[in-house]
């Protein structure tokens, strides 16, 4: 008897919802980096914002990717 391994709609929503925190955290870090450095040239602030977003979102996403999906 085959087991249905495809996720159901509520499981897909919870999987999609768990990526909101890494993206939101990355955006918050980027905004704070830009707001906190008003005296720096815009292109350095933009680079700092990108670095902050990638680092914070990447760390959170890596943690979620390595965790057990059942713990949601």
C-alpha atoms as a PDB file:
ATOM      1  CA  UNK A   1       0.000   0.000   0.000  1.00  0.00           C
ATOM      2  CA  UNK A   2       1.654   3.267  -1.106  1.00  0.00           C
ATOM      3  CA  UNK A   3       1.981   6.083   1.355  1.00  0.00           C
ATOM      4  CA  UNK A   4       1.047   9.552   0.194  1.00  0.00           C
ATOM      5  CA  UNK A   5       4.199  11.584   0.786  1.00  0.00           C
ATOM      6  CA  UNK A   6       3.021  14.885  -0.709  1.00  0.00           C
ATOM      7  CA  UNK A   7       2.355  17.581   1.890  1.00  0.00           C
ATOM      8  CA  UNK A   8      -1.195  18.706   2.457  1.00  0.00           C
ATOM      9  CA  UNK A   9      -2.310  22.318   2.147  1.00  0.00           C
ATOM     10  CA  UNK A  10      -1.955  23.166   5.881  1.00  0.00           C
ATOM     11  CA  UNK A  11       1.552  21.676   5.877  1.00  0.00           C
ATOM     12  CA  UNK A  12       2.502  23.792   2.858  1.00  0.00           C
ATOM     13  CA  UNK A  13       1.201  26.919   4.581  1.00  0.00           C
ATOM     14  CA  UNK A  14       3.157  26.193   7.736  1.00  0.00           C
ATOM     15  CA  UNK A  15       6.292  25.506   5.677  1.00  0.00           C
ATOM     16  CA  UNK A  16       5.865  28.786   3.810  1.00  0.00           C
ATOM     17  CA  UNK A  17       5.070  30.654   7.010  1.00  0.00           C
ATOM     18  CA  UNK A  18       8.247  29.480   8.721  1.00  0.00           C
ATOM     19  CA  UNK A  19      10.329  31.479   6.201  1.00  0.00           C
ATOM     20  CA  UNK A  20       8.680  34.764   7.184  1.00  0.00           C
ATOM     21  CA  UNK A  21      10.930  35.161  10.235  1.00  0.00           C
ATOM     22  CA  UNK A  22      14.268  34.864   8.373  1.00  0.00           C
ATOM     23  CA  UNK A  23      13.118  37.283   5.686  1.00  0.00           C
ATOM     24  CA  UNK A  24      11.620  39.688   8.223  1.00  0.00           C
ATOM     25  CA  UNK A  25      14.718  39.541  10.393  1.00  0.00           C
ATOM     26  CA  UNK A  26      16.951  40.176   7.419  1.00  0.00           C
ATOM     27  CA  UNK A  27      14.859  43.151   6.337  1.00  0.00           C
ATOM     28  CA  UNK A  28      14.877  44.554   9.860  1.00  0.00           C
ATOM     29  CA  UNK A  29      18.663  44.218  10.047  1.00  0.00           C
ATOM     30  CA  UNK A  30      19.028  45.941   6.678  1.00  0.00           C
ATOM     31  CA  UNK A  31      16.743  48.823   7.678  1.00  0.00           C
ATOM     32  CA  UNK A  32      18.524  49.283  10.993  1.00  0.00           C
ATOM     33  CA  UNK A  33      21.897  49.314   9.241  1.00  0.00           C
ATOM     34  CA  UNK A  34      20.708  52.055   6.896  1.00  0.00           C
ATOM     35  CA  UNK A  35      19.001  54.107   9.613  1.00  0.00           C
ATOM     36  CA  UNK A  36      21.925  53.746  11.996  1.00  0.00           C
ATOM     37  CA  UNK A  37      24.497  55.090   9.526  1.00  0.00           C
ATOM     38  CA  UNK A  38      23.149  58.425   8.223  1.00  0.00           C
ATOM     39  CA  UNK A  39      26.624  59.930   7.888  1.00  0.00           C
ATOM     40  CA  UNK A  40      27.887  57.242   5.468  1.00  0.00           C
ATOM     41  CA  UNK A  41      27.634  57.484   1.672  1.00  0.00           C
ATOM     42  CA  UNK A  42      24.539  55.871   0.157  1.00  0.00           C
ATOM     43  CA  UNK A  43      26.434  53.166  -1.750  1.00  0.00           C
ATOM     44  CA  UNK A  44      28.239  52.013   1.395  1.00  0.00           C
ATOM     45  CA  UNK A  45      24.940  51.997   3.272  1.00  0.00           C
ATOM     46  CA  UNK A  46      23.368  49.949   0.474  1.00  0.00           C
ATOM     47  CA  UNK A  47      26.231  47.450   0.563  1.00  0.00           C
ATOM     48  CA  UNK A  48      25.996  47.234   4.342  1.00  0.00           C
ATOM     49  CA  UNK A  49      22.241  46.662   4.113  1.00  0.00           C
ATOM     50  CA  UNK A  50      22.721  43.833   1.609  1.00  0.00           C
ATOM     51  CA  UNK A  51      25.387  42.230   3.773  1.00  0.00           C
ATOM     52  CA  UNK A  52      23.179  42.523   6.878  1.00  0.00           C
ATOM     53  CA  UNK A  53      20.188  41.027   5.064  1.00  0.00           C
ATOM     54  CA  UNK A  54      22.139  38.113   3.620  1.00  0.00           C
ATOM     55  CA  UNK A  55      23.881  37.348   6.905  1.00  0.00           C
ATOM     56  CA  UNK A  56      20.848  37.510   9.217  1.00  0.00           C
ATOM     57  CA  UNK A  57      18.411  35.860   6.809  1.00  0.00           C
ATOM     58  CA  UNK A  58      21.002  33.244   5.871  1.00  0.00           C
ATOM     59  CA  UNK A  59      21.746  32.321   9.470  1.00  0.00           C
ATOM     60  CA  UNK A  60      18.047  31.959  10.277  1.00  0.00           C
ATOM     61  CA  UNK A  61      17.323  30.038   7.090  1.00  0.00           C
ATOM     62  CA  UNK A  62      20.242  27.680   7.703  1.00  0.00           C
ATOM     63  CA  UNK A  63      18.937  26.977  11.194  1.00  0.00           C
ATOM     64  CA  UNK A  64      15.442  26.258   9.873  1.00  0.00           C
ATOM     65  CA  UNK A  65      16.778  24.124   7.038  1.00  0.00           C
ATOM     66  CA  UNK A  66      18.782  21.961   9.415  1.00  0.00           C
ATOM     67  CA  UNK A  67      15.995  21.573  11.978  1.00  0.00           C
ATOM     68  CA  UNK A  68      13.445  18.795  11.964  1.00  0.00           C
ATOM     69  CA  UNK A  69      10.386  19.804   9.932  1.00  0.00           C
ATOM     70  CA  UNK A  70       8.085  18.033  12.391  1.00  0.00           C
ATOM     71  CA  UNK A  71       8.967  20.475  15.146  1.00  0.00           C
ATOM     72  CA  UNK A  72       7.533  23.351  13.039  1.00  0.00           C
END
